PDB file of N, CA and C in Angstrom:
ATOM      1  N   MET A   1     -27.433   6.994 -84.129  1.00  0.00           N
ATOM      2  CA  MET A   1     -28.255   7.893 -83.369  1.00  0.00           C
ATOM      3  C   MET A   1     -29.422   8.376 -84.232  1.00  0.00           C
ATOM      4  N   ARG A   2     -30.614   8.364 -83.663  1.00  0.00           N
ATOM      5  CA  ARG A   2     -31.803   8.752 -84.421  1.00  0.00           C
ATOM      6  C   ARG A   2     -32.011  10.264 -84.353  1.00  0.00           C
ATOM      7  N   PRO A   3     -32.517  10.848 -85.437  1.00  0.00           N
ATOM      8  CA  PRO A   3     -32.833  12.275 -85.377  1.00  0.00           C
ATOM      9  C   PRO A   3     -34.070  12.503 -84.513  1.00  0.00           C
ATOM     10  N   LYS A   4     -34.131  13.655 -83.869  1.00  0.00           N
ATOM     11  CA  LYS A   4     -35.256  13.981 -83.006  1.00  0.00           C
ATOM     12  C   LYS A   4     -36.489  14.284 -83.850  1.00  0.00           C
ATOM     13  N   SER A   5     -37.649  14.090 -83.254  1.00  0.00           N
ATOM     14  CA  SER A   5     -38.910  14.347 -83.947  1.00  0.00           C
ATOM     15  C   SER A   5     -39.066  15.840 -84.211  1.00  0.00           C
ATOM     16  N   THR A   6     -39.582  16.166 -85.394  1.00  0.00           N
ATOM     17  CA  THR A   6     -39.749  17.571 -85.756  1.00  0.00           C
ATOM     18  C   THR A   6     -41.116  18.109 -85.379  1.00  0.00           C
ATOM     19  N   ARG A   7     -42.024  17.225 -84.912  1.00  0.00           N
ATOM     20  CA  ARG A   7     -43.353  17.678 -84.530  1.00  0.00           C
ATOM     21  C   ARG A   7     -43.311  18.375 -83.174  1.00  0.00           C
ATOM     22  N   SER A   8     -44.049  19.429 -83.048  1.00  0.00           N
ATOM     23  CA  SER A   8     -44.089  20.161 -81.789  1.00  0.00           C
ATOM     24  C   SER A   8     -45.142  19.548 -80.869  1.00  0.00           C
ATOM     25  N   LEU A   9     -45.131  19.982 -79.625  1.00  0.00           N
ATOM     26  CA  LEU A   9     -46.103  19.476 -78.659  1.00  0.00           C
ATOM     27  C   LEU A   9     -47.525  19.902 -79.018  1.00  0.00           C
ATOM     28  N   ALA A  10     -47.682  21.078 -79.596  1.00  0.00           N
ATOM     29  CA  ALA A  10     -49.013  21.552 -79.990  1.00  0.00           C
ATOM     30  C   ALA A  10     -49.608  20.659 -81.077  1.00  0.00           C
ATOM     31  N   THR A  11     -48.768  20.233 -82.018  1.00  0.00           N
ATOM     32  CA  THR A  11     -49.241  19.348 -83.084  1.00  0.00           C
ATOM     33  C   THR A  11     -49.674  18.004 -82.507  1.00  0.00           C
ATOM     34  N   LYS A  12     -48.881  17.464 -81.586  1.00  0.00           N
ATOM     35  CA  LYS A  12     -49.235  16.182 -80.963  1.00  0.00           C
ATOM     36  C   LYS A  12     -50.541  16.310 -80.192  1.00  0.00           C
ATOM     37  N   HIS A  13     -50.745  17.430 -79.500  1.00  0.00           N
ATOM     38  CA  HIS A  13     -51.960  17.641 -78.724  1.00  0.00           C
ATOM     39  C   HIS A  13     -53.178  17.724 -79.626  1.00  0.00           C
ATOM     40  N   ARG A  14     -53.076  18.393 -80.777  1.00  0.00           N
ATOM     41  CA  ARG A  14     -54.183  18.482 -81.727  1.00  0.00           C
ATOM     42  C   ARG A  14     -54.535  17.112 -82.287  1.00  0.00           C
ATOM     43  N   GLU A  15     -53.535  16.290 -82.573  1.00  0.00           N
ATOM     44  CA  GLU A  15     -53.794  14.946 -83.107  1.00  0.00           C
ATOM     45  C   GLU A  15     -54.550  14.103 -82.094  1.00  0.00           C
ATOM     46  N   GLU A  16     -54.214  14.234 -80.808  1.00  0.00           N
ATOM     47  CA  GLU A  16     -54.897  13.457 -79.787  1.00  0.00           C
ATOM     48  C   GLU A  16     -56.361  13.874 -79.668  1.00  0.00           C
ATOM     49  N   GLU A  17     -56.677  15.145 -79.839  1.00  0.00           N
ATOM     50  CA  GLU A  17     -58.061  15.602 -79.767  1.00  0.00           C
ATOM     51  C   GLU A  17     -58.887  15.068 -80.923  1.00  0.00           C
ATOM     52  N   VAL A  18     -58.334  15.017 -82.107  1.00  0.00           N
ATOM     53  CA  VAL A  18     -59.065  14.592 -83.295  1.00  0.00           C
ATOM     54  C   VAL A  18     -59.352  13.093 -83.265  1.00  0.00           C
ATOM     55  N   ILE A  19     -58.474  12.311 -82.651  1.00  0.00           N
ATOM     56  CA  ILE A  19     -58.578  10.856 -82.709  1.00  0.00           C
ATOM     57  C   ILE A  19     -59.718  10.304 -81.838  1.00  0.00           C
ATOM     58  N   GLN A  20     -60.278  11.080 -80.923  1.00  0.00           N
ATOM     59  CA  GLN A  20     -61.313  10.579 -80.029  1.00  0.00           C
ATOM     60  C   GLN A  20     -62.519  10.083 -80.828  1.00  0.00           C
ATOM     61  N   ARG A  21     -62.923   8.821 -80.572  1.00  0.00           N
ATOM     62  CA  ARG A  21     -64.049   8.248 -81.296  1.00  0.00           C
ATOM     63  C   ARG A  21     -64.702   7.151 -80.469  1.00  0.00           C
ATOM     64  N   LEU A  22     -65.901   6.836 -80.861  1.00  0.00           N
ATOM     65  CA  LEU A  22     -66.684   5.777 -80.244  1.00  0.00           C
ATOM     66  C   LEU A  22     -66.769   4.642 -81.258  1.00  0.00           C
ATOM     67  N   ARG A  23     -66.252   3.469 -80.915  1.00  0.00           N
ATOM     68  CA  ARG A  23     -66.255   2.327 -81.835  1.00  0.00           C
ATOM     69  C   ARG A  23     -67.325   1.344 -81.390  1.00  0.00           C
ATOM     70  N   ILE A  24     -68.267   1.081 -82.294  1.00  0.00           N
ATOM     71  CA  ILE A  24     -69.384   0.179 -82.004  1.00  0.00           C
ATOM     72  C   ILE A  24     -69.243  -1.057 -82.880  1.00  0.00           C
ATOM     73  N   LYS A  25     -69.204  -2.215 -82.227  1.00  0.00           N
ATOM     74  CA  LYS A  25     -69.110  -3.488 -82.942  1.00  0.00           C
ATOM     75  C   LYS A  25     -70.420  -4.234 -82.712  1.00  0.00           C
ATOM     76  N   VAL A  26     -71.117  -4.555 -83.806  1.00  0.00           N
ATOM     77  CA  VAL A  26     -72.427  -5.204 -83.725  1.00  0.00           C
ATOM     78  C   VAL A  26     -72.292  -6.617 -84.276  1.00  0.00           C
ATOM     79  N   LYS A  27     -72.807  -7.602 -83.520  1.00  0.00           N
ATOM     80  CA  LYS A  27     -72.748  -9.011 -83.943  1.00  0.00           C
ATOM     81  C   LYS A  27     -74.148  -9.615 -83.891  1.00  0.00           C
ATOM     82  N   ALA A  28     -74.437 -10.496 -84.857  1.00  0.00           N
ATOM     83  CA  ALA A  28     -75.726 -11.207 -84.861  1.00  0.00           C
ATOM     84  C   ALA A  28     -75.609 -12.432 -85.756  1.00  0.00           C
ATOM     85  N   TYR A  29     -76.534 -13.371 -85.568  1.00  0.00           N
ATOM     86  CA  TYR A  29     -76.557 -14.573 -86.391  1.00  0.00           C
ATOM     87  C   TYR A  29     -77.291 -14.337 -87.711  1.00  0.00           C
ATOM     88  N   ASP A  30     -78.185 -13.370 -87.755  1.00  0.00           N
ATOM     89  CA  ASP A  30     -78.988 -13.106 -88.944  1.00  0.00           C
ATOM     90  C   ASP A  30     -78.510 -11.816 -89.602  1.00  0.00           C
ATOM     91  N   SER A  31     -78.245 -11.869 -90.900  1.00  0.00           N
ATOM     92  CA  SER A  31     -77.688 -10.700 -91.595  1.00  0.00           C
ATOM     93  C   SER A  31     -78.718  -9.574 -91.750  1.00  0.00           C
ATOM     94  N   LYS A  32     -79.995  -9.913 -91.886  1.00  0.00           N
ATOM     95  CA  LYS A  32     -81.018  -8.870 -92.041  1.00  0.00           C
ATOM     96  C   LYS A  32     -81.204  -8.075 -90.750  1.00  0.00           C
ATOM     97  N   ILE A  33     -81.194  -8.775 -89.632  1.00  0.00           N
ATOM     98  CA  ILE A  33     -81.360  -8.106 -88.341  1.00  0.00           C
ATOM     99  C   ILE A  33     -80.178  -7.184 -88.052  1.00  0.00           C
ATOM    100  N   ILE A  34     -78.983  -7.631 -88.387  1.00  0.00           N
ATOM    101  CA  ILE A  34     -77.797  -6.807 -88.105  1.00  0.00           C
ATOM    102  C   ILE A  34     -77.775  -5.567 -88.989  1.00  0.00           C
ATOM    103  N   ASP A  35     -78.265  -5.682 -90.226  1.00  0.00           N
ATOM    104  CA  ASP A  35     -78.313  -4.510 -91.107  1.00  0.00           C
ATOM    105  C   ASP A  35     -79.321  -3.476 -90.606  1.00  0.00           C
ATOM    106  N   THR A  36     -80.477  -3.937 -90.139  1.00  0.00           N
ATOM    107  CA  THR A  36     -81.465  -2.993 -89.612  1.00  0.00           C
ATOM    108  C   THR A  36     -80.972  -2.345 -88.320  1.00  0.00           C
ATOM    109  N   SER A  37     -80.269  -3.112 -87.483  1.00  0.00           N
ATOM    110  CA  SER A  37     -79.726  -2.556 -86.243  1.00  0.00           C
ATOM    111  C   SER A  37     -78.657  -1.517 -86.531  1.00  0.00           C
ATOM    112  N   ALA A  38     -77.781  -1.804 -87.493  1.00  0.00           N
ATOM    113  CA  ALA A  38     -76.738  -0.843 -87.862  1.00  0.00           C
ATOM    114  C   ALA A  38     -77.361   0.432 -88.428  1.00  0.00           C
ATOM    115  N   LYS A  39     -78.432   0.273 -89.197  1.00  0.00           N
ATOM    116  CA  LYS A  39     -79.115   1.443 -89.764  1.00  0.00           C
ATOM    117  C   LYS A  39     -79.747   2.289 -88.660  1.00  0.00           C
ATOM    118  N   GLN A  40     -80.306   1.643 -87.631  1.00  0.00           N
ATOM    119  CA  GLN A  40     -80.873   2.366 -86.495  1.00  0.00           C
ATOM    120  C   GLN A  40     -79.803   3.179 -85.772  1.00  0.00           C
ATOM    121  N   ILE A  41     -78.637   2.578 -85.552  1.00  0.00           N
ATOM    122  CA  ILE A  41     -77.545   3.258 -84.852  1.00  0.00           C
ATOM    123  C   ILE A  41     -77.061   4.451 -85.668  1.00  0.00           C
ATOM    124  N   VAL A  42     -76.902   4.259 -86.985  1.00  0.00           N
ATOM    125  CA  VAL A  42     -76.428   5.343 -87.852  1.00  0.00           C
ATOM    126  C   VAL A  42     -77.452   6.471 -87.902  1.00  0.00           C
ATOM    127  N   ASP A  43     -78.736   6.152 -88.023  1.00  0.00           N
ATOM    128  CA  ASP A  43     -79.782   7.181 -88.061  1.00  0.00           C
ATOM    129  C   ASP A  43     -79.820   7.992 -86.767  1.00  0.00           C
ATOM    130  N   MET A  44     -79.672   7.301 -85.623  1.00  0.00           N
ATOM    131  CA  MET A  44     -79.663   7.984 -84.339  1.00  0.00           C
ATOM    132  C   MET A  44     -78.475   8.937 -84.246  1.00  0.00           C
ATOM    133  N   ALA A  45     -77.309   8.516 -84.697  1.00  0.00           N
ATOM    134  CA  ALA A  45     -76.118   9.356 -84.615  1.00  0.00           C
ATOM    135  C   ALA A  45     -76.221  10.561 -85.551  1.00  0.00           C
ATOM    136  N   VAL A  46     -76.791  10.349 -86.734  1.00  0.00           N
ATOM    137  CA  VAL A  46     -76.947  11.451 -87.688  1.00  0.00           C
ATOM    138  C   VAL A  46     -77.956  12.476 -87.146  1.00  0.00           C
ATOM    139  N   ARG A  47     -79.032  12.003 -86.519  1.00  0.00           N
ATOM    140  CA  ARG A  47     -80.019  12.910 -85.916  1.00  0.00           C
ATOM    141  C   ARG A  47     -79.390  13.799 -84.845  1.00  0.00           C
ATOM    142  N   ASN A  48     -78.406  13.245 -84.122  1.00  0.00           N
ATOM    143  CA  ASN A  48     -77.753  14.001 -83.051  1.00  0.00           C
ATOM    144  C   ASN A  48     -76.520  14.755 -83.541  1.00  0.00           C
ATOM    145  N   GLY A  49     -76.294  14.775 -84.839  1.00  0.00           N
ATOM    146  CA  GLY A  49     -75.237  15.590 -85.422  1.00  0.00           C
ATOM    147  C   GLY A  49     -73.840  15.047 -85.254  1.00  0.00           C
ATOM    148  N   ALA A  50     -73.629  13.777 -85.517  1.00  0.00           N
ATOM    149  CA  ALA A  50     -72.308  13.168 -85.382  1.00  0.00           C
ATOM    150  C   ALA A  50     -71.735  12.821 -86.746  1.00  0.00           C
ATOM    151  N   GLN A  51     -70.413  12.748 -86.810  1.00  0.00           N
ATOM    152  CA  GLN A  51     -69.746  12.257 -88.011  1.00  0.00           C
ATOM    153  C   GLN A  51     -69.615  10.749 -87.868  1.00  0.00           C
ATOM    154  N   ILE A  52     -69.909  10.036 -88.965  1.00  0.00           N
ATOM    155  CA  ILE A  52     -69.942   8.577 -88.896  1.00  0.00           C
ATOM    156  C   ILE A  52     -69.036   7.969 -89.950  1.00  0.00           C
ATOM    157  N   ALA A  53     -68.372   6.880 -89.582  1.00  0.00           N
ATOM    158  CA  ALA A  53     -67.631   6.049 -90.526  1.00  0.00           C
ATOM    159  C   ALA A  53     -68.213   4.642 -90.408  1.00  0.00           C
ATOM    160  N   GLY A  54     -68.874   4.186 -91.451  1.00  0.00           N
ATOM    161  CA  GLY A  54     -69.422   2.842 -91.427  1.00  0.00           C
ATOM    162  C   GLY A  54     -70.894   2.852 -91.777  1.00  0.00           C
ATOM    163  N   PRO A  55     -71.578   1.776 -91.618  1.00  0.00           N
ATOM    164  CA  PRO A  55     -71.165   0.490 -91.067  1.00  0.00           C
ATOM    165  C   PRO A  55     -70.285  -0.303 -92.026  1.00  0.00           C
ATOM    166  N   THR A  56     -69.169  -0.758 -91.515  1.00  0.00           N
ATOM    167  CA  THR A  56     -68.218  -1.539 -92.293  1.00  0.00           C
ATOM    168  C   THR A  56     -68.448  -3.020 -92.009  1.00  0.00           C
ATOM    169  N   PRO A  57     -68.726  -3.829 -93.024  1.00  0.00           N
ATOM    170  CA  PRO A  57     -68.901  -5.264 -92.765  1.00  0.00           C
ATOM    171  C   PRO A  57     -67.551  -5.930 -92.502  1.00  0.00           C
ATOM    172  N   LEU A  58     -67.482  -6.675 -91.419  1.00  0.00           N
ATOM    173  CA  LEU A  58     -66.284  -7.436 -91.080  1.00  0.00           C
ATOM    174  C   LEU A  58     -66.483  -8.872 -91.559  1.00  0.00           C
ATOM    175  N   PRO A  59     -65.413  -9.654 -91.670  1.00  0.00           N
ATOM    176  CA  PRO A  59     -65.561 -11.038 -92.141  1.00  0.00           C
ATOM    177  C   PRO A  59     -66.502 -11.855 -91.247  1.00  0.00           C
ATOM    178  N   THR A  60     -67.303 -12.676 -91.893  1.00  0.00           N
ATOM    179  CA  THR A  60     -68.261 -13.519 -91.177  1.00  0.00           C
ATOM    180  C   THR A  60     -67.537 -14.712 -90.570  1.00  0.00           C
ATOM    181  N   GLU A  61     -67.758 -14.931 -89.273  1.00  0.00           N
ATOM    182  CA  GLU A  61     -67.186 -16.101 -88.610  1.00  0.00           C
ATOM    183  C   GLU A  61     -68.094 -17.298 -88.905  1.00  0.00           C
ATOM    184  N   ILE A  62     -67.506 -18.408 -89.308  1.00  0.00           N
ATOM    185  CA  ILE A  62     -68.284 -19.615 -89.569  1.00  0.00           C
ATOM    186  C   ILE A  62     -67.780 -20.707 -88.630  1.00  0.00           C
ATOM    187  N   HIS A  63     -68.653 -21.153 -87.724  1.00  0.00           N
ATOM    188  CA  HIS A  63     -68.320 -22.230 -86.801  1.00  0.00           C
ATOM    189  C   HIS A  63     -68.998 -23.501 -87.306  1.00  0.00           C
ATOM    190  N   LYS A  64     -68.201 -24.517 -87.652  1.00  0.00           N
ATOM    191  CA  LYS A  64     -68.759 -25.774 -88.157  1.00  0.00           C
ATOM    192  C   LYS A  64     -68.631 -26.861 -87.096  1.00  0.00           C
ATOM    193  N   TYR A  65     -69.702 -27.648 -86.967  1.00  0.00           N
ATOM    194  CA  TYR A  65     -69.743 -28.745 -86.013  1.00  0.00           C
ATOM    195  C   TYR A  65     -70.123 -30.018 -86.761  1.00  0.00           C
ATOM    196  N   THR A  66     -69.351 -31.090 -86.545  1.00  0.00           N
ATOM    197  CA  THR A  66     -69.621 -32.380 -87.162  1.00  0.00           C
ATOM    198  C   THR A  66     -70.068 -33.349 -86.071  1.00  0.00           C
ATOM    199  N   VAL A  67     -71.194 -34.039 -86.325  1.00  0.00           N
ATOM    200  CA  VAL A  67     -71.779 -34.940 -85.334  1.00  0.00           C
ATOM    201  C   VAL A  67     -72.021 -36.293 -85.991  1.00  0.00           C
ATOM    202  N   ASN A  68     -71.722 -37.379 -85.267  1.00  0.00           N
ATOM    203  CA  ASN A  68     -72.053 -38.719 -85.762  1.00  0.00           C
ATOM    204  C   ASN A  68     -73.563 -38.912 -85.743  1.00  0.00           C
ATOM    205  N   ARG A  69     -74.125 -39.491 -86.808  1.00  0.00           N
ATOM    206  CA  ARG A  69     -75.564 -39.750 -86.845  1.00  0.00           C
ATOM    207  C   ARG A  69     -75.951 -40.862 -85.892  1.00  0.00           C
ATOM    208  N   SER A  70     -75.130 -41.867 -85.835  1.00  0.00           N
ATOM    209  CA  SER A  70     -75.411 -43.012 -84.981  1.00  0.00           C
ATOM    210  C   SER A  70     -74.389 -43.034 -83.846  1.00  0.00           C
ATOM    211  N   SER A  71     -74.812 -43.527 -82.703  1.00  0.00           N
ATOM    212  CA  SER A  71     -73.900 -43.534 -81.564  1.00  0.00           C
ATOM    213  C   SER A  71     -72.973 -44.753 -81.555  1.00  0.00           C
ATOM    214  N   PHE A  72     -73.374 -45.855 -82.237  1.00  0.00           N
ATOM    215  CA  PHE A  72     -72.587 -47.077 -82.109  1.00  0.00           C
ATOM    216  C   PHE A  72     -72.052 -47.580 -83.453  1.00  0.00           C
ATOM    217  N   VAL A  73     -72.912 -47.753 -84.446  1.00  0.00           N
ATOM    218  CA  VAL A  73     -72.479 -48.252 -85.752  1.00  0.00           C
ATOM    219  C   VAL A  73     -72.547 -47.125 -86.767  1.00  0.00           C
ATOM    220  N   HIS A  74     -72.123 -47.383 -87.980  1.00  0.00           N
ATOM    221  CA  HIS A  74     -72.141 -46.405 -89.076  1.00  0.00           C
ATOM    222  C   HIS A  74     -71.344 -45.141 -88.716  1.00  0.00           C
ATOM    223  N   LYS A  75     -70.064 -45.359 -88.417  1.00  0.00           N
ATOM    224  CA  LYS A  75     -69.220 -44.230 -88.021  1.00  0.00           C
ATOM    225  C   LYS A  75     -68.970 -43.246 -89.166  1.00  0.00           C
ATOM    226  N   ASN A  76     -69.174 -43.671 -90.416  1.00  0.00           N
ATOM    227  CA  ASN A  76     -68.958 -42.781 -91.553  1.00  0.00           C
ATOM    228  C   ASN A  76     -70.163 -41.877 -91.816  1.00  0.00           C
ATOM    229  N   ALA A  77     -71.298 -42.179 -91.202  1.00  0.00           N
ATOM    230  CA  ALA A  77     -72.495 -41.363 -91.403  1.00  0.00           C
ATOM    231  C   ALA A  77     -72.452 -40.194 -90.412  1.00  0.00           C
ATOM    232  N   ARG A  78     -72.248 -39.007 -90.948  1.00  0.00           N
ATOM    233  CA  ARG A  78     -72.127 -37.819 -90.087  1.00  0.00           C
ATOM    234  C   ARG A  78     -72.986 -36.680 -90.612  1.00  0.00           C
ATOM    235  N   GLU A  79     -73.344 -35.780 -89.718  1.00  0.00           N
ATOM    236  CA  GLU A  79     -74.072 -34.575 -90.093  1.00  0.00           C
ATOM    237  C   GLU A  79     -73.218 -33.374 -89.725  1.00  0.00           C
ATOM    238  N   GLN A  80     -73.292 -32.343 -90.570  1.00  0.00           N
ATOM    239  CA  GLN A  80     -72.527 -31.126 -90.294  1.00  0.00           C
ATOM    240  C   GLN A  80     -73.484 -29.956 -90.104  1.00  0.00           C
ATOM    241  N   TYR A  81     -73.194 -29.149 -89.086  1.00  0.00           N
ATOM    242  CA  TYR A  81     -73.969 -27.950 -88.799  1.00  0.00           C
ATOM    243  C   TYR A  81     -73.011 -26.763 -88.772  1.00  0.00           C
ATOM    244  N   GLU A  82     -73.539 -25.600 -89.092  1.00  0.00           N
ATOM    245  CA  GLU A  82     -72.701 -24.411 -89.018  1.00  0.00           C
ATOM    246  C   GLU A  82     -73.485 -23.235 -88.463  1.00  0.00           C
ATOM    247  N   ILE A  83     -72.775 -22.366 -87.785  1.00  0.00           N
ATOM    248  CA  ILE A  83     -73.338 -21.124 -87.265  1.00  0.00           C
ATOM    249  C   ILE A  83     -72.527 -19.994 -87.874  1.00  0.00           C
ATOM    250  N   ARG A  84     -73.226 -19.028 -88.463  1.00  0.00           N
ATOM    251  CA  ARG A  84     -72.549 -17.866 -89.049  1.00  0.00           C
ATOM    252  C   ARG A  84     -72.779 -16.658 -88.148  1.00  0.00           C
ATOM    253  N   VAL A  85     -71.690 -15.982 -87.806  1.00  0.00           N
ATOM    254  CA  VAL A  85     -71.762 -14.774 -86.975  1.00  0.00           C
ATOM    255  C   VAL A  85     -71.397 -13.593 -87.866  1.00  0.00           C
ATOM    256  N   HIS A  86     -72.394 -12.754 -88.160  1.00  0.00           N
ATOM    257  CA  HIS A  86     -72.182 -11.563 -88.995  1.00  0.00           C
ATOM    258  C   HIS A  86     -71.781 -10.408 -88.090  1.00  0.00           C
ATOM    259  N   LYS A  87     -70.844  -9.563 -88.577  1.00  0.00           N
ATOM    260  CA  LYS A  87     -70.341  -8.449 -87.765  1.00  0.00           C
ATOM    261  C   LYS A  87     -70.303  -7.167 -88.583  1.00  0.00           C
ATOM    262  N   ARG A  88     -70.579  -6.044 -87.915  1.00  0.00           N
ATOM    263  CA  ARG A  88     -70.478  -4.722 -88.519  1.00  0.00           C
ATOM    264  C   ARG A  88     -69.724  -3.814 -87.557  1.00  0.00           C
ATOM    265  N   LEU A  89     -68.991  -2.854 -88.129  1.00  0.00           N
ATOM    266  CA  LEU A  89     -68.211  -1.912 -87.337  1.00  0.00           C
ATOM    267  C   LEU A  89     -68.650  -0.495 -87.679  1.00  0.00           C
ATOM    268  N   ILE A  90     -68.981   0.295 -86.659  1.00  0.00           N
ATOM    269  CA  ILE A  90     -69.420   1.678 -86.851  1.00  0.00           C
ATOM    270  C   ILE A  90     -68.555   2.570 -85.969  1.00  0.00           C
ATOM    271  N   ASP A  91     -67.975   3.617 -86.546  1.00  0.00           N
ATOM    272  CA  ASP A  91     -67.187   4.590 -85.794  1.00  0.00           C
ATOM    273  C   ASP A  91     -67.939   5.908 -85.746  1.00  0.00           C
ATOM    274  N   ILE A  92     -68.077   6.456 -84.554  1.00  0.00           N
ATOM    275  CA  ILE A  92     -68.660   7.788 -84.376  1.00  0.00           C
ATOM    276  C   ILE A  92     -67.525   8.695 -83.932  1.00  0.00           C
ATOM    277  N   LEU A  93     -67.208   9.694 -84.762  1.00  0.00           N
ATOM    278  CA  LEU A  93     -66.086  10.574 -84.485  1.00  0.00           C
ATOM    279  C   LEU A  93     -66.519  11.746 -83.616  1.00  0.00           C
ATOM    280  N   ASN A  94     -65.706  12.059 -82.634  1.00  0.00           N
ATOM    281  CA  ASN A  94     -65.948  13.156 -81.686  1.00  0.00           C
ATOM    282  C   ASN A  94     -67.354  13.107 -81.097  1.00  0.00           C
ATOM    283  N   PRO A  95     -67.683  12.043 -80.341  1.00  0.00           N
ATOM    284  CA  PRO A  95     -69.033  11.931 -79.782  1.00  0.00           C
ATOM    285  C   PRO A  95     -69.257  12.924 -78.648  1.00  0.00           C
ATOM    286  N   ASN A  96     -70.500  13.362 -78.503  1.00  0.00           N
ATOM    287  CA  ASN A  96     -70.864  14.231 -77.392  1.00  0.00           C
ATOM    288  C   ASN A  96     -71.743  13.441 -76.421  1.00  0.00           C
ATOM    289  N   PRO A  97     -71.979  13.950 -75.224  1.00  0.00           N
ATOM    290  CA  PRO A  97     -72.783  13.211 -74.234  1.00  0.00           C
ATOM    291  C   PRO A  97     -74.208  12.914 -74.704  1.00  0.00           C
ATOM    292  N   LYS A  98     -74.743  13.748 -75.585  1.00  0.00           N
ATOM    293  CA  LYS A  98     -76.096  13.533 -76.108  1.00  0.00           C
ATOM    294  C   LYS A  98     -76.154  12.235 -76.916  1.00  0.00           C
ATOM    295  N   ILE A  99     -75.112  11.968 -77.706  1.00  0.00           N
ATOM    296  CA  ILE A  99     -75.062  10.741 -78.510  1.00  0.00           C
ATOM    297  C   ILE A  99     -74.933   9.518 -77.614  1.00  0.00           C
ATOM    298  N   ILE A 100     -74.095   9.607 -76.585  1.00  0.00           N
ATOM    299  CA  ILE A 100     -73.905   8.477 -75.679  1.00  0.00           C
ATOM    300  C   ILE A 100     -75.200   8.165 -74.933  1.00  0.00           C
ATOM    301  N   GLY A 101     -75.929   9.195 -74.527  1.00  0.00           N
ATOM    302  CA  GLY A 101     -77.224   8.986 -73.874  1.00  0.00           C
ATOM    303  C   GLY A 101     -78.239   8.350 -74.804  1.00  0.00           C
ATOM    304  N   ALA A 102     -78.239   8.766 -76.063  1.00  0.00           N
ATOM    305  CA  ALA A 102     -79.165   8.181 -77.033  1.00  0.00           C
ATOM    306  C   ALA A 102     -78.817   6.724 -77.326  1.00  0.00           C
ATOM    307  N   LEU A 103     -77.525   6.388 -77.295  1.00  0.00           N
ATOM    308  CA  LEU A 103     -77.113   4.996 -77.522  1.00  0.00           C
ATOM    309  C   LEU A 103     -77.591   4.077 -76.408  1.00  0.00           C
ATOM    310  N   THR A 104     -77.562   4.569 -75.174  1.00  0.00           N
ATOM    311  CA  THR A 104     -78.009   3.725 -74.057  1.00  0.00           C
ATOM    312  C   THR A 104     -79.511   3.485 -74.105  1.00  0.00           C
ATOM    313  N   ASN A 105     -80.270   4.423 -74.668  1.00  0.00           N
ATOM    314  CA  ASN A 105     -81.722   4.282 -74.741  1.00  0.00           C
ATOM    315  C   ASN A 105     -82.201   3.603 -76.023  1.00  0.00           C
ATOM    316  N   LEU A 106     -81.285   3.221 -76.902  1.00  0.00           N
ATOM    317  CA  LEU A 106     -81.650   2.618 -78.173  1.00  0.00           C
ATOM    318  C   LEU A 106     -82.193   1.211 -77.958  1.00  0.00           C
ATOM    319  N   ASN A 107     -83.330   0.902 -78.583  1.00  0.00           N
ATOM    320  CA  ASN A 107     -83.970  -0.401 -78.439  1.00  0.00           C
ATOM    321  C   ASN A 107     -83.663  -1.241 -79.673  1.00  0.00           C
ATOM    322  N   LEU A 108     -82.782  -2.233 -79.521  1.00  0.00           N
ATOM    323  CA  LEU A 108     -82.391  -3.108 -80.631  1.00  0.00           C
ATOM    324  C   LEU A 108     -83.082  -4.458 -80.484  1.00  0.00           C
ATOM    325  N   PRO A 109     -83.282  -5.181 -81.602  1.00  0.00           N
ATOM    326  CA  PRO A 109     -83.964  -6.480 -81.523  1.00  0.00           C
ATOM    327  C   PRO A 109     -83.144  -7.523 -80.768  1.00  0.00           C
ATOM    328  N   ALA A 110     -83.832  -8.576 -80.329  1.00  0.00           N
ATOM    329  CA  ALA A 110     -83.165  -9.668 -79.616  1.00  0.00           C
ATOM    330  C   ALA A 110     -82.223 -10.396 -80.564  1.00  0.00           C
ATOM    331  N   GLY A 111     -81.129 -10.876 -80.036  1.00  0.00           N
ATOM    332  CA  GLY A 111     -80.157 -11.609 -80.845  1.00  0.00           C
ATOM    333  C   GLY A 111     -79.062 -10.731 -81.411  1.00  0.00           C
ATOM    334  N   VAL A 112     -79.056  -9.450 -81.060  1.00  0.00           N
ATOM    335  CA  VAL A 112     -78.022  -8.529 -81.530  1.00  0.00           C
ATOM    336  C   VAL A 112     -77.123  -8.175 -80.355  1.00  0.00           C
ATOM    337  N   ASP A 113     -75.829  -8.412 -80.507  1.00  0.00           N
ATOM    338  CA  ASP A 113     -74.851  -8.113 -79.469  1.00  0.00           C
ATOM    339  C   ASP A 113     -74.117  -6.836 -79.851  1.00  0.00           C
ATOM    340  N   VAL A 114     -74.098  -5.865 -78.963  1.00  0.00           N
ATOM    341  CA  VAL A 114     -73.460  -4.569 -79.229  1.00  0.00           C
ATOM    342  C   VAL A 114     -72.317  -4.384 -78.241  1.00  0.00           C
ATOM    343  N   GLU A 115     -71.149  -4.057 -78.777  1.00  0.00           N
ATOM    344  CA  GLU A 115     -69.964  -3.803 -77.964  1.00  0.00           C
ATOM    345  C   GLU A 115     -69.488  -2.383 -78.268  1.00  0.00           C
ATOM    346  N   ILE A 116     -69.400  -1.539 -77.248  1.00  0.00           N
ATOM    347  CA  ILE A 116     -69.036  -0.132 -77.440  1.00  0.00           C
ATOM    348  C   ILE A 116     -67.726   0.146 -76.720  1.00  0.00           C
ATOM    349  N   LYS A 117     -66.782   0.760 -77.442  1.00  0.00           N
ATOM    350  CA  LYS A 117     -65.494   1.129 -76.869  1.00  0.00           C
ATOM    351  C   LYS A 117     -65.195   2.579 -77.196  1.00  0.00           C
ATOM    352  N   MET A 118     -64.587   3.256 -76.242  1.00  0.00           N
ATOM    353  CA  MET A 118     -64.157   4.641 -76.444  1.00  0.00           C
ATOM    354  C   MET A 118     -62.661   4.623 -76.746  1.00  0.00           C
ATOM    355  N   LYS A 119     -62.277   5.217 -77.869  1.00  0.00           N
ATOM    356  CA  LYS A 119     -60.858   5.260 -78.254  1.00  0.00           C
ATOM    357  C   LYS A 119     -60.394   6.678 -78.311  1.00  0.00           C
TER     358      LYS A 119
END
């Protein structure tokens, strides 16, 4: 038989309030563009008075493609191409509606994919 939890309901309720955060995942093919975009997001959040964790660099995805140079002969002659997807993670702790409104109006360069989740 397991012992009962010693935490009270008030403690659990306080923990749930503190954990609320906005998680922003930024992806791009170019590392310079993603760094400038992450800096824009962080500057906007700091201007609106938010606590920030990040930008944290996540592992780069490398997609490699191998293609035959010739369609009929020379099967050993091949070319390899790769695409690198750079990713950054930014957490905004205890966001307010002002920050969310500023995020929707943020103008980021082309080729940057932004994914926003509320946790």
